[in-house]
Amino acid sequence: MPGELASRLQPIVAEAVTAAGFDLDSFEVQQAGRRQLVKVVVDSDDGVGLDEVAEISRKVSAALDENEHVLASAYTLEVTSPGLDRPLTQARHWRRARFRLVKITPVEGAAFVCRVGHAGDDSARVLEGGKIRDVRYADVAKAVVEIEFKQPPVEDLKLLEDDASGMIAAETEKGSK
């Protein structure tokens, strides 16, 4: 039943999260004894702080309480932001990983580590071994952010920034024709 319950609650939770100005990254409902555990993972391009998690938690809780007939039991609500180990599976994940070091396991070929630059709808520009190239999301089996304990090299960031500026200028020029 938790799967069926999750499919009925998901639009209610998504609406509350979206109204708060955030994206619903994932959602699940699990049976926890006599209660339901409602897990909500939220994200935004600017990240999610503790104050925002508290605000979203209040809004989602209010939405669930308004729709208590759907839940029909006591629940525990858990609202969090995605962890660093979350795989990059959507274009927005790649956008949010801009300038981060990422380990990519392609569908074909060996895994490699690169720094993410501009992320579009179908692919991301990455810096690998001093060279910028496109990586199509469809060609990625798995991609995860690597933890870094020091600031990224300034020259890497400048290369990616200059590349993104050139891409935006080219897109603007193409759109005006």
Protein backbone atom coordinates (compact mmCIF):
# COMPACT_ATOMS: atom_id res chain seq x y z
CA MET A 1 0.00 0.00 0.00
CA PRO A 2 2.81 2.56 0.58
CA GLY A 3 3.38 2.77 -3.20
CA GLU A 4 -0.29 3.47 -3.88
CA LEU A 5 -0.38 5.98 -1.01
CA ALA A 6 2.77 7.67 -2.32
CA SER A 7 1.21 8.09 -5.78
CA ARG A 8 -1.84 9.80 -4.21
CA LEU A 9 0.24 12.01 -1.88
CA GLN A 10 2.97 12.97 -4.36
CA PRO A 11 0.95 15.70 -6.18
CA ILE A 12 -0.11 17.21 -2.84
CA VAL A 13 3.48 17.31 -1.57
CA ALA A 14 4.85 18.51 -4.93
CA GLU A 15 2.40 21.43 -4.96
CA ALA A 16 3.43 22.51 -1.43
CA VAL A 17 7.15 22.24 -2.27
CA THR A 18 6.76 24.12 -5.56
CA ALA A 19 4.69 26.84 -3.84
CA ALA A 20 7.62 27.32 -1.46
CA GLY A 21 9.89 27.89 -4.49
CA PHE A 22 11.74 24.57 -4.47
CA ASP A 23 11.91 21.38 -6.56
CA LEU A 24 10.69 18.03 -5.26
CA ASP A 25 13.76 15.88 -5.88
CA SER A 26 12.33 12.64 -4.54
CA PHE A 27 9.42 11.43 -2.46
CA GLU A 28 8.53 8.17 -0.78
CA VAL A 29 6.20 6.76 1.85
CA GLN A 30 7.22 3.84 4.07
CA GLN A 31 5.38 1.95 6.76
CA ALA A 32 7.08 2.53 10.13
CA GLY A 33 5.18 0.53 12.72
CA ARG A 34 1.74 2.09 13.09
CA ARG A 35 2.84 5.28 11.40
CA GLN A 36 3.71 6.26 7.87
CA LEU A 37 7.16 7.75 7.25
CA VAL A 38 6.85 10.44 4.58
CA LYS A 39 10.30 11.25 3.13
CA VAL A 40 10.60 14.43 1.08
CA VAL A 41 13.86 15.48 -0.60
CA VAL A 42 13.91 19.06 -1.92
CA ASP A 43 16.42 21.09 -3.88
CA SER A 44 16.89 24.40 -5.68
CA ASP A 45 19.49 26.05 -7.89
CA ASP A 46 20.60 28.06 -4.84
CA GLY A 47 20.73 25.06 -2.50
CA VAL A 48 18.60 24.46 0.57
CA GLY A 49 19.46 25.74 4.03
CA LEU A 50 18.08 24.74 7.42
CA ASP A 51 15.66 27.68 7.51
CA GLU A 52 14.26 26.67 4.11
CA VAL A 53 13.93 23.03 5.21
CA ALA A 54 11.93 24.21 8.25
CA GLU A 55 9.69 26.41 6.06
CA ILE A 56 9.09 23.62 3.55
CA SER A 57 8.44 21.18 6.38
CA ARG A 58 5.70 23.48 7.76
CA LYS A 59 4.09 23.88 4.32
CA VAL A 60 4.18 20.16 3.51
CA SER A 61 2.85 19.30 6.97
CA ALA A 62 -0.03 21.76 6.51
CA ALA A 63 -0.81 20.27 3.08
CA LEU A 64 -0.77 16.74 4.50
CA ASP A 65 -3.00 17.80 7.39
CA GLU A 66 -5.46 19.41 4.93
CA ASN A 67 -5.56 16.09 3.09
CA GLU A 68 -5.58 13.79 6.12
CA HIS A 69 -8.32 11.71 4.45
CA VAL A 70 -5.70 10.56 1.90
CA LEU A 71 -3.11 9.65 4.54
CA ALA A 72 -5.67 8.19 6.96
CA SER A 73 -3.06 7.46 9.65
CA ALA A 74 -0.45 9.08 11.85
CA TYR A 75 2.73 10.04 10.02
CA THR A 76 6.27 11.23 10.56
CA LEU A 77 7.49 13.81 8.08
CA GLU A 78 11.15 13.91 7.07
CA VAL A 79 12.23 16.82 4.85
CA THR A 80 15.83 17.04 3.69
CA SER A 81 18.06 18.18 0.86
CA PRO A 82 19.87 15.71 -1.40
CA GLY A 83 23.18 14.37 -0.20
CA LEU A 84 26.42 14.66 -2.10
CA ASP A 85 26.13 11.03 -3.10
CA ARG A 86 22.98 11.68 -5.14
CA PRO A 87 23.59 10.65 -8.76
CA LEU A 88 23.25 13.35 -11.40
CA THR A 89 20.25 12.04 -13.32
CA GLN A 90 18.53 15.21 -14.56
CA ALA A 91 19.69 18.38 -16.31
CA ARG A 92 18.98 20.43 -13.18
CA HIS A 93 21.30 18.18 -11.15
CA TRP A 94 24.08 18.95 -13.64
CA ARG A 95 23.29 22.71 -13.47
CA ARG A 96 23.54 22.57 -9.70
CA ALA A 97 26.88 20.76 -9.93
CA ARG A 98 28.46 23.61 -11.91
CA PHE A 99 32.20 23.93 -11.18
CA ARG A 100 32.09 20.73 -9.11
CA LEU A 101 34.32 17.73 -9.72
CA VAL A 102 32.24 14.80 -11.00
CA LYS A 103 33.06 11.16 -11.66
CA ILE A 104 31.32 9.99 -14.82
CA THR A 105 30.86 6.37 -15.76
CA PRO A 106 29.83 6.40 -19.42
CA VAL A 107 27.54 3.80 -20.98
CA GLU A 108 30.57 2.79 -23.06
CA GLY A 109 34.20 3.31 -22.08
CA ALA A 110 36.16 3.94 -18.91
CA ALA A 111 35.08 6.17 -16.03
CA PHE A 112 36.69 9.61 -15.78
CA VAL A 113 36.72 12.62 -13.47
CA CYS A 114 35.98 16.09 -14.81
CA ARG A 115 34.75 19.51 -13.73
CA VAL A 116 31.24 20.54 -14.78
CA GLY A 117 30.68 23.76 -16.70
CA HIS A 118 27.57 24.90 -18.55
CA ALA A 119 24.74 22.35 -18.41
CA GLY A 120 22.06 22.40 -21.08
CA ASP A 121 18.94 20.34 -21.64
CA ASP A 122 20.69 17.38 -23.31
CA SER A 123 24.36 17.68 -22.39
CA ALA A 124 26.92 19.36 -20.16
CA ARG A 125 30.23 20.98 -21.00
CA VAL A 126 33.00 19.49 -18.88
CA LEU A 127 36.68 20.15 -18.37
CA GLU A 128 38.74 16.99 -18.46
CA GLY A 129 42.52 17.01 -18.64
CA GLY A 130 42.63 20.68 -19.60
CA LYS A 131 40.20 20.23 -22.52
CA ILE A 132 36.54 21.18 -22.69
CA ARG A 133 34.12 18.72 -24.24
CA ASP A 134 30.41 17.89 -24.35
CA VAL A 135 28.98 14.96 -22.43
CA ARG A 136 25.49 13.91 -23.50
CA TYR A 137 23.36 12.80 -20.54
CA ALA A 138 22.11 9.86 -22.62
CA ASP A 139 25.70 8.58 -22.80
CA VAL A 140 26.15 8.59 -19.00
CA ALA A 141 25.48 5.41 -17.03
CA LYS A 142 26.28 7.10 -13.71
CA ALA A 143 27.61 10.45 -12.52
CA VAL A 144 28.29 11.54 -8.93
CA VAL A 145 29.90 14.59 -7.36
CA GLU A 146 33.37 13.98 -5.95
CA ILE A 147 34.12 15.51 -2.56
CA GLU A 148 36.86 18.15 -2.71
CA PHE A 149 38.69 19.44 0.33
CA LYS A 150 40.30 22.44 -1.36
CA GLN A 151 39.20 25.20 -3.71
CA PRO A 152 39.12 24.30 -7.41
CA PRO A 153 41.99 25.67 -9.49
CA VAL A 154 41.21 29.24 -10.59
CA GLU A 155 42.39 28.52 -14.15
CA ASP A 156 39.87 25.62 -14.45
CA LEU A 157 37.02 27.87 -13.34
CA LYS A 158 38.10 30.60 -15.77
CA LEU A 159 38.19 28.15 -18.70
CA LEU A 160 34.67 26.93 -17.87
CA GLU A 161 33.38 30.47 -17.31
CA ASP A 162 34.82 31.70 -20.63
CA ASP A 163 33.39 28.66 -22.41
CA ALA A 164 29.91 29.29 -20.96
CA SER A 165 30.10 32.99 -21.94
CA GLY A 166 30.98 32.02 -25.50
CA MET A 167 28.14 29.50 -25.66
CA ILE A 168 25.60 32.02 -24.38
CA ALA A 169 26.79 34.64 -26.90
CA ALA A 170 26.52 32.09 -29.75
CA GLU A 171 23.01 31.05 -28.66
CA THR A 172 21.92 34.70 -28.45
CA GLU A 173 23.33 35.42 -31.92
CA LYS A 174 21.63 32.30 -33.37
CA GLY A 175 18.31 33.29 -31.76
CA SER A 176 18.38 36.81 -33.23
CA LYS A 177 18.71 35.54 -36.82
